[in-house]
Amino acid sequence: MLKHRGFPGRLPGTDFQFVIRRPNPKGVTPLIKRERYRDRKSVDRKADAVFMAALWAHFGNEPFERGNLDAGRLSWLFGREVLPYDDPFDPVSYELQLIINEPVARVSFPEAFEDGEWA
């Protein structure tokens, strides 16, 4: 499992983690597309925006390996702002290549692409 050095570990002041420390001994957690409903808490929406900003700052528009990125946090963006780059898609692989769907991500999280505190 590739560890993304320099990637933020969590949203400061919360328990929302962005990376995992070690592989899951029970097996890789699959990536799924989670629905984001309008009534989500503001801190949940902020965690998504900060995670998207970290992804953009770290990887830009280049493909990247899933590695130690948290499957739960990725699943909130998966299928919309983050897409599989590999074909065939394997949702239970730490080596899975992903890519940011920049046009959709810019609409969903415009603040993540601004310079400043987000990046």
Protein backbone atom coordinates (compact mmCIF):
# COMPACT_ATOMS: atom_id res chain seq x y z
CA MET A 1 0.00 0.00 0.00
CA LEU A 2 1.46 3.31 -1.12
CA LYS A 3 1.60 5.95 1.61
CA HIS A 4 1.04 9.47 0.33
CA ARG A 5 3.69 11.46 2.18
CA GLY A 6 2.72 15.05 2.92
CA PHE A 7 -1.02 14.40 2.54
CA PRO A 8 -3.03 15.74 5.51
CA GLY A 9 -4.08 13.02 7.93
CA ARG A 10 -7.42 14.46 8.98
CA LEU A 11 -9.60 17.56 9.14
CA PRO A 12 -8.15 19.64 12.00
CA GLY A 13 -10.33 19.70 15.09
CA THR A 14 -12.41 16.69 14.03
CA ASP A 15 -12.21 12.92 13.78
CA PHE A 16 -12.67 12.96 9.99
CA GLN A 17 -9.63 11.07 8.73
CA PHE A 18 -8.19 11.43 5.23
CA VAL A 19 -5.58 8.63 5.30
CA ILE A 20 -5.16 5.27 7.00
CA ARG A 21 -2.01 4.13 8.76
CA ARG A 22 -1.91 0.49 7.71
CA PRO A 23 -3.75 -1.91 5.41
CA ASN A 24 -6.93 -3.46 6.80
CA PRO A 25 -6.04 -7.02 7.90
CA LYS A 26 -9.61 -8.16 7.11
CA GLY A 27 -9.33 -7.00 3.50
CA VAL A 28 -9.42 -3.80 1.50
CA THR A 29 -12.46 -1.59 2.11
CA PRO A 30 -14.25 -1.22 -1.24
CA LEU A 31 -14.85 2.16 -2.84
CA ILE A 32 -18.55 2.88 -3.34
CA LYS A 33 -20.53 5.88 -4.50
CA ARG A 34 -22.22 7.47 -1.47
CA GLU A 35 -25.12 9.86 -1.89
CA ARG A 36 -24.61 13.35 -0.46
CA TYR A 37 -27.97 14.58 0.76
CA ARG A 38 -28.78 18.26 1.28
CA ASP A 39 -29.33 17.84 5.02
CA ARG A 40 -25.70 16.80 5.73
CA LYS A 41 -24.04 18.66 8.57
CA SER A 42 -21.87 21.62 7.67
CA VAL A 43 -18.80 19.93 9.16
CA ASP A 44 -19.37 16.96 6.81
CA ARG A 45 -19.54 19.30 3.83
CA LYS A 46 -16.41 21.11 5.03
CA ALA A 47 -14.55 17.78 5.35
CA ASP A 48 -15.46 16.97 1.74
CA ALA A 49 -14.25 20.38 0.55
CA VAL A 50 -10.97 20.22 2.48
CA PHE A 51 -10.34 16.65 1.27
CA MET A 52 -11.00 17.73 -2.33
CA ALA A 53 -8.61 20.67 -1.88
CA ALA A 54 -5.95 18.31 -0.51
CA LEU A 55 -6.43 15.93 -3.45
CA TRP A 56 -6.10 18.79 -5.92
CA ALA A 57 -3.05 20.29 -4.19
CA HIS A 58 -1.34 16.89 -3.96
CA PHE A 59 -2.23 15.33 -7.34
CA GLY A 60 -3.71 18.00 -9.62
CA ASN A 61 -5.17 16.59 -12.82
CA GLU A 62 -2.77 13.61 -12.90
CA PRO A 63 -3.88 10.02 -12.15
CA PHE A 64 -3.02 8.88 -8.64
CA GLU A 65 -2.93 5.61 -6.72
CA ARG A 66 -5.55 5.03 -4.00
CA GLY A 67 -2.87 3.86 -1.58
CA ASN A 68 -3.55 4.90 2.00
CA LEU A 69 -6.35 7.36 1.19
CA ASP A 70 -9.36 6.65 3.40
CA ALA A 71 -12.03 4.66 1.52
CA GLY A 72 -14.86 6.24 3.52
CA ARG A 73 -13.79 9.79 2.68
CA LEU A 74 -13.07 8.88 -0.97
CA SER A 75 -16.51 7.27 -1.27
CA TRP A 76 -18.22 10.63 -0.62
CA LEU A 77 -16.52 11.96 -3.80
CA PHE A 78 -16.30 8.75 -5.81
CA GLY A 79 -18.30 8.53 -9.02
CA ARG A 80 -18.64 12.30 -9.33
CA GLU A 81 -15.53 14.33 -8.45
CA VAL A 82 -13.15 11.34 -8.32
CA LEU A 83 -13.35 8.70 -11.03
CA PRO A 84 -11.55 5.40 -11.64
CA TYR A 85 -8.70 5.72 -14.10
CA ASP A 86 -8.07 1.98 -14.42
CA ASP A 87 -10.07 -0.24 -16.71
CA PRO A 88 -11.21 -2.70 -15.45
CA PHE A 89 -12.17 -1.02 -12.19
CA ASP A 90 -11.29 -2.94 -9.01
CA PRO A 91 -13.00 -1.30 -5.99
CA VAL A 92 -10.97 -3.38 -3.49
CA SER A 93 -7.44 -2.54 -4.62
CA TYR A 94 -4.97 -0.23 -2.89
CA GLU A 95 -3.20 0.02 -6.28
CA LEU A 96 -6.32 1.35 -8.02
CA GLN A 97 -5.59 4.44 -10.12
CA LEU A 98 -8.01 7.36 -9.71
CA ILE A 99 -8.31 10.77 -11.32
CA ILE A 100 -10.05 14.00 -10.35
CA ASN A 101 -12.98 14.91 -12.61
CA GLU A 102 -11.94 18.56 -12.65
CA PRO A 103 -15.02 20.13 -14.32
CA VAL A 104 -17.42 18.45 -11.86
CA ALA A 105 -15.14 19.05 -8.87
CA ARG A 106 -14.85 22.77 -9.68
CA VAL A 107 -18.64 23.08 -9.70
CA SER A 108 -19.11 21.04 -6.51
CA PHE A 109 -16.21 22.53 -4.53
CA PRO A 110 -15.13 25.86 -6.08
CA GLU A 111 -13.39 26.89 -2.85
CA ALA A 112 -11.09 23.86 -3.09
CA PHE A 113 -9.48 25.29 -6.23
CA GLU A 114 -8.81 28.75 -4.83
CA ASP A 115 -5.41 29.68 -3.46
CA GLY A 116 -5.25 30.25 0.25
CA GLU A 117 -6.28 28.32 3.33
CA TRP A 118 -7.88 25.42 1.39
CA ALA A 119 -4.92 24.34 -0.69
